[in-house]
Amino acid sequence: MTTVRTATMAGLVLMLGACVQVQAPERPIEINLNVNVRQEVLLRLERDAEAIIEENPELFPQ
């Protein structure tokens, strides 16, 4: 009885598998990566500005 049940289940799986269609989407998949690099850029700019001020104190009087 178990063999008949297994064969029946295998047949159903094969029949259902034939009904499934795999199709590529019409539009490409879009992955939006919003990366925040603002802090690093500001830090570099601040370090560069400090170096310029230290090298040329006459340009930036206090």
N, C-alpha and C. Protein backbone atom coordinates (compact mmCIF):
# COMPACT_ATOMS: atom_id res chain seq x y z
N MET A 1 0.82 -1.20 0.00
CA MET A 1 0.00 0.00 0.00
C MET A 1 0.86 1.26 0.00
N THR A 2 1.99 1.24 0.67
CA THR A 2 2.87 2.40 0.73
C THR A 2 3.47 2.69 -0.63
N THR A 3 3.77 1.66 -1.41
CA THR A 3 4.35 1.84 -2.73
C THR A 3 3.35 2.52 -3.65
N VAL A 4 2.10 2.14 -3.56
CA VAL A 4 1.06 2.75 -4.39
C VAL A 4 0.89 4.22 -4.02
N ARG A 5 0.90 4.50 -2.73
CA ARG A 5 0.75 5.89 -2.27
C ARG A 5 1.95 6.72 -2.73
N THR A 6 3.16 6.18 -2.64
CA THR A 6 4.36 6.89 -3.06
C THR A 6 4.33 7.14 -4.57
N ALA A 7 3.92 6.13 -5.33
CA ALA A 7 3.84 6.29 -6.78
C ALA A 7 2.79 7.34 -7.15
N THR A 8 1.68 7.36 -6.43
CA THR A 8 0.63 8.35 -6.70
C THR A 8 1.13 9.76 -6.39
N MET A 9 1.80 9.91 -5.27
CA MET A 9 2.34 11.23 -4.90
C MET A 9 3.39 11.69 -5.91
N ALA A 10 4.25 10.77 -6.35
CA ALA A 10 5.27 11.12 -7.34
C ALA A 10 4.61 11.55 -8.65
N GLY A 11 3.55 10.87 -9.06
CA GLY A 11 2.83 11.23 -10.27
C GLY A 11 2.19 12.61 -10.15
N LEU A 12 1.59 12.89 -8.99
CA LEU A 12 0.99 14.21 -8.78
C LEU A 12 2.04 15.32 -8.81
N VAL A 13 3.19 15.07 -8.21
CA VAL A 13 4.26 16.06 -8.21
C VAL A 13 4.74 16.32 -9.62
N LEU A 14 4.89 15.29 -10.42
CA LEU A 14 5.32 15.45 -11.80
C LEU A 14 4.29 16.22 -12.63
N MET A 15 3.02 15.94 -12.40
CA MET A 15 1.97 16.63 -13.15
C MET A 15 1.91 18.10 -12.74
N LEU A 16 2.03 18.38 -11.46
CA LEU A 16 2.01 19.77 -11.01
C LEU A 16 3.26 20.51 -11.45
N GLY A 17 4.37 19.82 -11.51
CA GLY A 17 5.62 20.44 -11.95
C GLY A 17 5.55 20.87 -13.40
N ALA A 18 4.78 20.17 -14.19
CA ALA A 18 4.65 20.52 -15.61
C ALA A 18 3.81 21.79 -15.78
N CYS A 19 3.02 22.17 -14.79
CA CYS A 19 2.16 23.35 -14.88
C CYS A 19 2.89 24.64 -14.50
N VAL A 20 4.05 24.54 -13.92
CA VAL A 20 4.78 25.72 -13.44
C VAL A 20 5.61 26.29 -14.57
N GLN A 21 5.50 27.61 -14.78
CA GLN A 21 6.29 28.29 -15.80
C GLN A 21 7.21 29.29 -15.12
N VAL A 22 8.45 29.31 -15.55
CA VAL A 22 9.42 30.27 -15.04
C VAL A 22 9.71 31.25 -16.17
N GLN A 23 9.49 32.53 -15.89
CA GLN A 23 9.66 33.54 -16.92
C GLN A 23 10.43 34.72 -16.35
N ALA A 24 11.34 35.25 -17.13
CA ALA A 24 12.12 36.41 -16.69
C ALA A 24 11.21 37.64 -16.67
N PRO A 25 11.45 38.57 -15.74
CA PRO A 25 10.63 39.78 -15.70
C PRO A 25 10.87 40.65 -16.93
N GLU A 26 9.86 41.45 -17.27
CA GLU A 26 9.98 42.32 -18.44
C GLU A 26 10.98 43.44 -18.20
N ARG A 27 10.97 44.00 -16.99
CA ARG A 27 11.92 45.06 -16.63
C ARG A 27 13.03 44.46 -15.79
N PRO A 28 14.23 45.04 -15.85
CA PRO A 28 15.31 44.52 -15.01
C PRO A 28 15.03 44.76 -13.53
N ILE A 29 15.57 43.92 -12.70
CA ILE A 29 15.41 44.06 -11.26
C ILE A 29 16.28 45.22 -10.80
N GLU A 30 15.69 46.12 -10.03
CA GLU A 30 16.41 47.30 -9.56
C GLU A 30 16.73 47.13 -8.08
N ILE A 31 18.00 47.29 -7.76
CA ILE A 31 18.44 47.24 -6.37
C ILE A 31 18.94 48.63 -6.01
N ASN A 32 18.27 49.26 -5.08
CA ASN A 32 18.61 50.63 -4.70
C ASN A 32 19.48 50.59 -3.45
N LEU A 33 20.73 51.01 -3.58
CA LEU A 33 21.65 51.04 -2.45
C LEU A 33 21.93 52.49 -2.08
N ASN A 34 21.27 52.95 -1.05
CA ASN A 34 21.51 54.30 -0.54
C ASN A 34 22.57 54.20 0.55
N VAL A 35 23.77 54.61 0.22
CA VAL A 35 24.88 54.51 1.16
C VAL A 35 25.22 55.92 1.63
N ASN A 36 25.33 56.08 2.92
CA ASN A 36 25.62 57.40 3.48
C ASN A 36 27.13 57.54 3.66
N VAL A 37 27.75 58.35 2.81
CA VAL A 37 29.19 58.60 2.90
C VAL A 37 29.46 60.05 3.30
N ARG A 38 28.45 60.76 3.71
CA ARG A 38 28.56 62.17 4.04
C ARG A 38 29.54 62.40 5.19
N GLN A 39 29.48 61.59 6.21
CA GLN A 39 30.32 61.79 7.38
C GLN A 39 31.80 61.68 7.03
N GLU A 40 32.15 60.69 6.23
CA GLU A 40 33.55 60.51 5.85
C GLU A 40 34.04 61.68 5.01
N VAL A 41 33.23 62.15 4.08
CA VAL A 41 33.62 63.26 3.21
C VAL A 41 33.81 64.53 4.04
N LEU A 42 32.91 64.79 4.96
CA LEU A 42 33.03 65.97 5.80
C LEU A 42 34.26 65.90 6.69
N LEU A 43 34.56 64.73 7.20
CA LEU A 43 35.73 64.56 8.05
C LEU A 43 37.00 64.82 7.26
N ARG A 44 37.09 64.30 6.06
CA ARG A 44 38.26 64.55 5.22
C ARG A 44 38.39 66.03 4.89
N LEU A 45 37.27 66.67 4.56
CA LEU A 45 37.27 68.08 4.23
C LEU A 45 37.73 68.91 5.44
N GLU A 46 37.25 68.53 6.61
CA GLU A 46 37.63 69.25 7.83
C GLU A 46 39.13 69.10 8.09
N ARG A 47 39.66 67.93 7.92
CA ARG A 47 41.10 67.71 8.14
C ARG A 47 41.92 68.49 7.12
N ASP A 48 41.49 68.49 5.87
CA ASP A 48 42.19 69.25 4.84
C ASP A 48 42.15 70.74 5.14
N ALA A 49 40.99 71.24 5.58
CA ALA A 49 40.85 72.66 5.89
C ALA A 49 41.75 73.03 7.08
N GLU A 50 41.80 72.18 8.10
CA GLU A 50 42.68 72.46 9.25
C GLU A 50 44.14 72.52 8.82
N ALA A 51 44.54 71.63 7.94
CA ALA A 51 45.93 71.61 7.48
C ALA A 51 46.25 72.89 6.69
N ILE A 52 45.32 73.34 5.85
CA ILE A 52 45.54 74.56 5.06
C ILE A 52 45.62 75.77 5.98
N ILE A 53 44.76 75.83 6.99
CA ILE A 53 44.77 76.96 7.92
C ILE A 53 46.08 76.98 8.71
N GLU A 54 46.53 75.81 9.15
CA GLU A 54 47.80 75.75 9.90
C GLU A 54 48.99 76.14 9.02
N GLU A 55 48.96 75.77 7.75
CA GLU A 55 50.06 76.09 6.85
C GLU A 55 50.06 77.55 6.43
N ASN A 56 48.88 78.17 6.39
CA ASN A 56 48.75 79.57 5.92
C ASN A 56 47.93 80.38 6.91
N PRO A 57 48.45 80.65 8.09
CA PRO A 57 47.65 81.39 9.08
C PRO A 57 47.33 82.81 8.65
N GLU A 58 48.11 83.39 7.75
CA GLU A 58 47.85 84.76 7.31
C GLU A 58 46.60 84.86 6.42
N LEU A 59 46.21 83.75 5.83
CA LEU A 59 45.00 83.77 4.97
C LEU A 59 43.72 83.77 5.79
N PHE A 60 43.80 83.25 7.01
CA PHE A 60 42.61 83.13 7.84
C PHE A 60 42.88 83.77 9.21
N PRO A 61 42.83 85.10 9.29
CA PRO A 61 43.11 85.76 10.59
C PRO A 61 41.99 85.48 11.58
N GLN A 62 42.36 85.42 12.85
CA GLN A 62 41.35 85.14 13.88
C GLN A 62 40.96 86.37 14.62
